[in-house]
C-alpha cells in the first residue's frame, strides 16, 4: 500500500508544480490545492499505515494492549487542512481582486501593468 501512496504523492506534487507554472490564475490555485493535499498525504503516509486501533488505554492498564494509530500526525493533518483552506481562500480573494483590477487572468499580461 505504501509504494502506491508514494506514487500518488509524487504524481500530486508533479501535477501541482506543473499547474503552478502555467500562466492562468485558476490553474495556479488548483496547483496550490494539489500541493497542500500532497503534503497532507505525505504526513499521513510517513506516520505509518499499519495500526488500525485507536490510541485508547483500557482501565487499569499502563500502556495500550495492541499497536495503535498515532494521533499526532492526524492532528497535524487536520491543522494543515484548516490552514490550507485559509490560504486558498485568501489566494482566491486576492486573485479575484487582481482580475477585477486588471481585467485578465493571464499572469504575463498582469506583469505589463506594473509600470
Protein backbone atom coordinates (compact mmCIF):
# COMPACT_ATOMS: atom_id res chain seq x y z
CA UNK A 1 0.00 0.00 0.00
CA UNK A 2 2.80 2.43 0.81
CA UNK A 3 4.51 2.17 -2.62
CA UNK A 4 1.18 3.03 -4.26
CA UNK A 5 0.77 6.03 -1.96
CA UNK A 6 4.34 7.13 -2.75
CA UNK A 7 3.49 7.13 -6.46
CA UNK A 8 0.25 9.03 -5.81
CA UNK A 9 2.08 11.60 -3.67
CA UNK A 10 4.72 12.07 -6.36
CA UNK A 11 2.04 12.46 -9.01
CA UNK A 12 0.19 15.06 -6.89
CA UNK A 13 3.38 17.05 -6.34
CA UNK A 14 4.27 16.86 -10.03
CA UNK A 15 0.79 17.92 -11.14
CA UNK A 16 0.69 20.72 -8.57
CA UNK A 17 4.05 22.13 -9.62
CA UNK A 18 3.14 21.77 -13.30
CA UNK A 19 -0.11 23.66 -12.80
CA UNK A 20 1.61 26.38 -10.78
CA UNK A 21 3.94 27.06 -13.71
CA UNK A 22 1.02 27.78 -16.06
CA UNK A 23 0.03 31.37 -16.84
CA UNK A 24 -3.58 31.08 -15.73
CA UNK A 25 -4.67 32.12 -12.22
CA UNK A 26 -7.22 29.30 -11.93
CA UNK A 27 -4.56 26.71 -12.71
CA UNK A 28 -2.30 28.31 -10.12
CA UNK A 29 -4.97 27.92 -7.43
CA UNK A 30 -5.62 24.29 -8.42
CA UNK A 31 -1.87 23.67 -8.24
CA UNK A 32 -1.78 25.11 -4.72
CA UNK A 33 -4.62 22.82 -3.67
CA UNK A 34 -2.84 19.78 -5.13
CA UNK A 35 0.39 20.67 -3.33
CA UNK A 36 -1.38 21.02 0.01
CA UNK A 37 -3.17 17.70 -0.44
CA UNK A 38 0.09 16.01 -1.41
CA UNK A 39 1.75 17.36 1.74
CA UNK A 40 -1.13 16.09 3.89
CA UNK A 41 -0.95 12.65 2.31
CA UNK A 42 2.82 12.60 2.80
CA UNK A 43 2.48 13.31 6.53
CA UNK A 44 -0.19 10.64 6.83
CA UNK A 45 1.94 8.07 4.98
CA UNK A 46 5.08 8.86 7.00
CA UNK A 47 3.14 8.21 10.20
CA UNK A 48 2.64 4.59 9.18
CA UNK A 49 -0.39 2.75 7.94
CA UNK A 50 -0.02 -0.46 9.97
CA UNK A 51 -2.07 0.48 13.00
CA UNK A 52 -5.83 0.43 12.86
CA UNK A 53 -6.70 0.63 16.55
CA UNK A 54 -7.49 3.81 18.45
CA UNK A 55 -4.93 5.10 20.94
CA UNK A 56 -7.02 4.18 23.99
CA UNK A 57 -5.66 2.62 27.15
CA UNK A 58 -8.05 0.21 28.88
CA UNK A 59 -8.93 0.90 32.52
CA UNK A 60 -6.26 -0.42 34.89
CA UNK A 61 -3.54 -0.76 32.21
CA UNK A 62 -0.41 1.35 31.87
CA UNK A 63 0.07 1.02 28.10
CA UNK A 64 -2.19 0.10 25.17
CA UNK A 65 -2.60 -3.64 24.65
CA UNK A 66 -2.05 -3.60 20.87
CA UNK A 67 -0.35 -1.35 18.38
CA UNK A 68 -2.31 1.82 17.86
CA UNK A 69 -2.73 4.66 15.41
CA UNK A 70 -0.61 7.66 16.37
CA UNK A 71 -2.95 10.64 16.91
CA UNK A 72 -0.24 13.31 16.43
CA UNK A 73 0.04 13.07 12.61
CA UNK A 74 -3.74 13.03 12.37
CA UNK A 75 -3.90 16.24 14.41
CA UNK A 76 -1.17 17.80 12.25
CA UNK A 77 -3.07 16.92 9.08
CA UNK A 78 -6.30 18.36 10.47
CA UNK A 79 -4.48 21.58 11.32
CA UNK A 80 -2.85 21.65 7.88
CA UNK A 81 -6.25 21.23 6.19
CA UNK A 82 -7.66 24.21 8.10
CA UNK A 83 -4.62 26.39 7.40
CA UNK A 84 -4.61 25.31 3.75
CA UNK A 85 -8.27 26.26 3.43
CA UNK A 86 -7.49 29.71 4.81
CA UNK A 87 -4.55 30.18 2.42
CA UNK A 88 -6.60 29.07 -0.58
CA UNK A 89 -9.47 31.38 0.43
CA UNK A 90 -7.09 34.33 0.73
CA UNK A 91 -5.49 33.44 -2.61
CA UNK A 92 -8.89 33.30 -4.32
CA UNK A 93 -9.88 36.67 -2.86
CA UNK A 94 -6.56 38.20 -3.92
CA UNK A 95 -6.81 36.80 -7.45
CA UNK A 96 -10.43 37.92 -7.75
CA UNK A 97 -9.43 41.48 -6.87
CA UNK A 98 -6.48 41.31 -9.29
CA UNK A 99 -8.80 40.07 -12.03
CA UNK A 100 -11.24 42.92 -11.36
CA UNK A 101 -8.42 45.48 -11.43
CA UNK A 102 -6.52 44.22 -14.48
CA UNK A 103 -9.31 42.55 -16.41
CA UNK A 104 -7.41 39.36 -17.28
CA UNK A 105 -6.33 36.16 -15.60
CA UNK A 106 -3.15 35.74 -17.65
CA UNK A 107 -0.10 36.30 -15.46
CA UNK A 108 2.05 37.55 -18.35
CA UNK A 109 -0.48 40.27 -19.13
CA UNK A 110 -0.63 41.21 -15.44
CA UNK A 111 3.13 41.85 -15.47
CA UNK A 112 2.69 44.54 -18.11
CA UNK A 113 0.54 46.58 -15.71
CA UNK A 114 3.40 47.06 -13.20
CA UNK A 115 4.57 50.35 -14.72
